Amino acid sequence: MSGRQTLQAVAIKKVVSIINNYGYKVPIYRDIYGEDELGCKVLKEEKQYITDVVCIIDNSSTSRSKSITNTGQGVVKGFSYATFYTPYVEDLPIQEDDIVLYENVFYKVQEIVDVVHYNVLYSISLERVDVDG
């Protein structure tokens, strides 16, 4: 094993240990699409449960923007963002547009990034999804 591989292995062990000790198990959901007889994309199953993932979610540094009233659309809700951290795994079960349920709030996966490009930690951008109407 090279020096870089050894450091990577140590880093992965530390990241996994920290997230397992301080993280939360959150469910991941995905909308399942198919095609109709005309070849058009159609929603087959909404919020299909995929798996649970242990992670740390940081929603402390982002605030929810104010709701805006638009005469044509009524109240347009503001946006709220969070960051989801999970250890690197080769076959990450999360995809963009998946839904994460954390503290009774749904978040949509926006972007998945290998933080240091050494296959140690993923940083996943989340956007709050309002489902109250």
C-alpha atoms as a PDB file:
ATOM      1  CA  MET A   1       0.000   0.000   0.000  1.00  0.00           C
ATOM      2  CA  SER A   2       1.379   3.412  -0.922  1.00  0.00           C
ATOM      3  CA  GLY A   3       1.579   6.329   1.507  1.00  0.00           C
ATOM      4  CA  ARG A   4      -1.391   8.017  -0.154  1.00  0.00           C
ATOM      5  CA  GLN A   5      -3.511   4.864   0.079  1.00  0.00           C
ATOM      6  CA  THR A   6      -2.583   4.475   3.762  1.00  0.00           C
ATOM      7  CA  LEU A   7      -3.594   8.078   4.522  1.00  0.00           C
ATOM      8  CA  GLN A   8      -6.810   7.581   2.566  1.00  0.00           C
ATOM      9  CA  ALA A   9      -7.637   4.411   4.539  1.00  0.00           C
ATOM     10  CA  VAL A  10      -6.999   6.202   7.853  1.00  0.00           C
ATOM     11  CA  ALA A  11      -9.099   9.184   6.755  1.00  0.00           C
ATOM     12  CA  ILE A  12     -11.987   6.947   5.697  1.00  0.00           C
ATOM     13  CA  LYS A  13     -11.903   5.108   9.056  1.00  0.00           C
ATOM     14  CA  LYS A  14     -12.012   8.429  10.931  1.00  0.00           C
ATOM     15  CA  VAL A  15     -14.842   9.829   8.791  1.00  0.00           C
ATOM     16  CA  VAL A  16     -16.898   6.637   9.146  1.00  0.00           C
ATOM     17  CA  SER A  17     -16.293   6.562  12.913  1.00  0.00           C
ATOM     18  CA  ILE A  18     -17.339  10.209  13.386  1.00  0.00           C
ATOM     19  CA  ILE A  19     -20.458   9.901  11.243  1.00  0.00           C
ATOM     20  CA  ASN A  20     -21.481   6.603  12.868  1.00  0.00           C
ATOM     21  CA  ASN A  21     -21.038   8.111  16.364  1.00  0.00           C
ATOM     22  CA  TYR A  22     -22.646  11.502  15.767  1.00  0.00           C
ATOM     23  CA  GLY A  23     -24.764  11.038  12.672  1.00  0.00           C
ATOM     24  CA  TYR A  24     -28.374  10.150  12.054  1.00  0.00           C
ATOM     25  CA  LYS A  25     -29.941   7.401  10.018  1.00  0.00           C
ATOM     26  CA  VAL A  26     -32.194   9.092   7.455  1.00  0.00           C
ATOM     27  CA  PRO A  27     -34.481   7.485   4.879  1.00  0.00           C
ATOM     28  CA  ILE A  28     -33.927   8.147   1.184  1.00  0.00           C
ATOM     29  CA  TYR A  29     -36.874   8.216  -1.234  1.00  0.00           C
ATOM     30  CA  ARG A  30     -36.995   8.379  -5.021  1.00  0.00           C
ATOM     31  CA  ASP A  31     -39.705   9.119  -7.569  1.00  0.00           C
ATOM     32  CA  ILE A  32     -39.898   6.212 -10.013  1.00  0.00           C
ATOM     33  CA  TYR A  33     -40.690   7.068 -13.636  1.00  0.00           C
ATOM     34  CA  GLY A  34     -41.688   4.939 -16.578  1.00  0.00           C
ATOM     35  CA  GLU A  35     -43.012   5.517 -20.081  1.00  0.00           C
ATOM     36  CA  ASP A  36     -46.581   5.450 -21.296  1.00  0.00           C
ATOM     37  CA  GLU A  37     -47.713   3.895 -24.596  1.00  0.00           C
ATOM     38  CA  LEU A  38     -46.625   7.080 -26.446  1.00  0.00           C
ATOM     39  CA  GLY A  39     -43.119   7.019 -24.957  1.00  0.00           C
ATOM     40  CA  CYS A  40     -43.746   9.966 -22.623  1.00  0.00           C
ATOM     41  CA  LYS A  41     -42.174  10.037 -19.151  1.00  0.00           C
ATOM     42  CA  VAL A  42     -44.787   9.363 -16.443  1.00  0.00           C
ATOM     43  CA  LEU A  43     -44.567   9.168 -12.661  1.00  0.00           C
ATOM     44  CA  LYS A  44     -45.197   5.542 -11.621  1.00  0.00           C
ATOM     45  CA  GLU A  45     -44.450   5.745  -7.885  1.00  0.00           C
ATOM     46  CA  GLU A  46     -44.009   8.854  -5.773  1.00  0.00           C
ATOM     47  CA  LYS A  47     -41.443   8.838  -2.953  1.00  0.00           C
ATOM     48  CA  GLN A  48     -40.541   5.159  -3.190  1.00  0.00           C
ATOM     49  CA  TYR A  49     -38.396   4.182  -0.172  1.00  0.00           C
ATOM     50  CA  ILE A  50     -34.839   3.283  -1.292  1.00  0.00           C
ATOM     51  CA  THR A  51     -32.697   2.824   1.839  1.00  0.00           C
ATOM     52  CA  ASP A  52     -31.476   4.447   5.054  1.00  0.00           C
ATOM     53  CA  VAL A  53     -28.144   6.284   5.095  1.00  0.00           C
ATOM     54  CA  VAL A  54     -26.160   7.351   8.156  1.00  0.00           C
ATOM     55  CA  CYS A  55     -25.087  10.948   7.736  1.00  0.00           C
ATOM     56  CA  ILE A  56     -24.548  14.319   9.336  1.00  0.00           C
ATOM     57  CA  ILE A  57     -26.780  17.116   8.062  1.00  0.00           C
ATOM     58  CA  ASP A  58     -25.726  20.725   8.542  1.00  0.00           C
ATOM     59  CA  ASN A  59     -28.659  23.067   8.266  1.00  0.00           C
ATOM     60  CA  SER A  60     -27.360  25.593  10.786  1.00  0.00           C
ATOM     61  CA  SER A  61     -25.492  27.907   8.453  1.00  0.00           C
ATOM     62  CA  THR A  62     -28.298  28.423   5.957  1.00  0.00           C
ATOM     63  CA  SER A  63     -31.436  30.340   6.681  1.00  0.00           C
ATOM     64  CA  ARG A  64     -34.801  30.201   5.036  1.00  0.00           C
ATOM     65  CA  SER A  65     -35.422  33.145   2.750  1.00  0.00           C
ATOM     66  CA  LYS A  66     -38.608  35.142   3.325  1.00  0.00           C
ATOM     67  CA  SER A  67     -41.854  34.158   1.664  1.00  0.00           C
ATOM     68  CA  ILE A  68     -42.845  36.514  -1.111  1.00  0.00           C
ATOM     69  CA  THR A  69     -46.399  37.454  -2.053  1.00  0.00           C
ATOM     70  CA  ASN A  70     -46.981  37.512  -5.795  1.00  0.00           C
ATOM     71  CA  THR A  71     -50.371  38.765  -7.008  1.00  0.00           C
ATOM     72  CA  GLY A  72     -50.554  36.117  -9.715  1.00  0.00           C
ATOM     73  CA  GLN A  73     -49.444  33.148  -7.618  1.00  0.00           C
ATOM     74  CA  GLY A  74     -50.329  34.054  -4.036  1.00  0.00           C
ATOM     75  CA  VAL A  75     -47.627  33.228  -1.485  1.00  0.00           C
ATOM     76  CA  VAL A  76     -44.422  31.919  -3.017  1.00  0.00           C
ATOM     77  CA  LYS A  77     -42.381  30.190  -0.331  1.00  0.00           C
ATOM     78  CA  GLY A  78     -38.718  30.946   0.163  1.00  0.00           C
ATOM     79  CA  PHE A  79     -35.929  28.424  -0.114  1.00  0.00           C
ATOM     80  CA  SER A  80     -34.016  26.611   2.618  1.00  0.00           C
ATOM     81  CA  TYR A  81     -30.824  24.667   2.046  1.00  0.00           C
ATOM     82  CA  ALA A  82     -28.769  22.149   4.009  1.00  0.00           C
ATOM     83  CA  THR A  83     -25.649  20.050   3.462  1.00  0.00           C
ATOM     84  CA  PHE A  84     -25.610  16.285   3.904  1.00  0.00           C
ATOM     85  CA  TYR A  85     -22.289  14.555   4.700  1.00  0.00           C
ATOM     86  CA  THR A  86     -21.774  10.817   4.367  1.00  0.00           C
ATOM     87  CA  PRO A  87     -18.664   8.626   4.019  1.00  0.00           C
ATOM     88  CA  TYR A  88     -17.564   7.636   0.545  1.00  0.00           C
ATOM     89  CA  VAL A  89     -18.896   4.302  -0.699  1.00  0.00           C
ATOM     90  CA  GLU A  90     -18.330   3.009  -4.198  1.00  0.00           C
ATOM     91  CA  ASP A  91     -22.016   2.495  -4.978  1.00  0.00           C
ATOM     92  CA  LEU A  92     -23.635   5.481  -3.264  1.00  0.00           C
ATOM     93  CA  PRO A  93     -27.388   4.754  -3.074  1.00  0.00           C
ATOM     94  CA  ILE A  94     -28.255   8.454  -3.414  1.00  0.00           C
ATOM     95  CA  GLN A  95     -28.905  10.228  -6.724  1.00  0.00           C
ATOM     96  CA  GLU A  96     -29.707  13.807  -7.669  1.00  0.00           C
ATOM     97  CA  ASP A  97     -33.443  14.536  -7.253  1.00  0.00           C
ATOM     98  CA  ASP A  98     -33.812  11.923  -4.483  1.00  0.00           C
ATOM     99  CA  ILE A  99     -35.706  13.001  -1.364  1.00  0.00           C
ATOM    100  CA  VAL A 100     -34.195  12.926   2.149  1.00  0.00           C
ATOM    101  CA  LEU A 101     -36.442  12.995   5.245  1.00  0.00           C
ATOM    102  CA  TYR A 102     -34.726  14.685   8.196  1.00  0.00           C
ATOM    103  CA  GLU A 103     -36.515  15.936  11.335  1.00  0.00           C
ATOM    104  CA  ASN A 104     -39.916  15.693   9.604  1.00  0.00           C
ATOM    105  CA  VAL A 105     -38.745  17.901   6.713  1.00  0.00           C
ATOM    106  CA  PHE A 106     -38.259  16.728   3.135  1.00  0.00           C
ATOM    107  CA  TYR A 107     -35.141  17.847   1.251  1.00  0.00           C
ATOM    108  CA  LYS A 108     -34.395  17.274  -2.433  1.00  0.00           C
ATOM    109  CA  VAL A 109     -30.862  16.234  -3.410  1.00  0.00           C
ATOM    110  CA  GLN A 110     -29.369  18.954  -5.617  1.00  0.00           C
ATOM    111  CA  GLU A 111     -25.695  18.048  -6.103  1.00  0.00           C
ATOM    112  CA  ILE A 112     -23.357  15.271  -4.964  1.00  0.00           C
ATOM    113  CA  VAL A 113     -19.658  16.112  -4.563  1.00  0.00           C
ATOM    114  CA  ASP A 114     -16.652  14.031  -3.498  1.00  0.00           C
ATOM    115  CA  VAL A 115     -15.325  16.652  -1.045  1.00  0.00           C
ATOM    116  CA  VAL A 116     -11.577  16.208  -1.392  1.00  0.00           C
ATOM    117  CA  HIS A 117     -11.582  14.033  -4.532  1.00  0.00           C
ATOM    118  CA  TYR A 118      -9.898  11.197  -2.640  1.00  0.00           C
ATOM    119  CA  ASN A 119     -12.971   9.016  -2.111  1.00  0.00           C
ATOM    120  CA  VAL A 120     -13.294   9.862   1.588  1.00  0.00           C
ATOM    121  CA  LEU A 121     -16.405  11.996   2.090  1.00  0.00           C
ATOM    122  CA  TYR A 122     -19.437  13.125   0.096  1.00  0.00           C
ATOM    123  CA  SER A 123     -20.968  16.560   0.490  1.00  0.00           C
ATOM    124  CA  ILE A 124     -24.529  16.584  -0.821  1.00  0.00           C
ATOM    125  CA  SER A 125     -26.452  19.829  -1.325  1.00  0.00           C
ATOM    126  CA  LEU A 126     -30.085  19.682  -0.244  1.00  0.00           C
ATOM    127  CA  GLU A 127     -33.027  22.009  -0.855  1.00  0.00           C
ATOM    128  CA  ARG A 128     -36.074  21.973   1.376  1.00  0.00           C
ATOM    129  CA  VAL A 129     -39.272  20.719  -0.271  1.00  0.00           C
ATOM    130  CA  ASP A 130     -42.555  22.036   1.090  1.00  0.00           C
ATOM    131  CA  VAL A 131     -45.287  19.412   0.885  1.00  0.00           C
ATOM    132  CA  ASP A 132     -48.063  21.292   2.678  1.00  0.00           C
ATOM    133  CA  GLY A 133     -50.113  22.218  -0.322  1.00  0.00           C
END
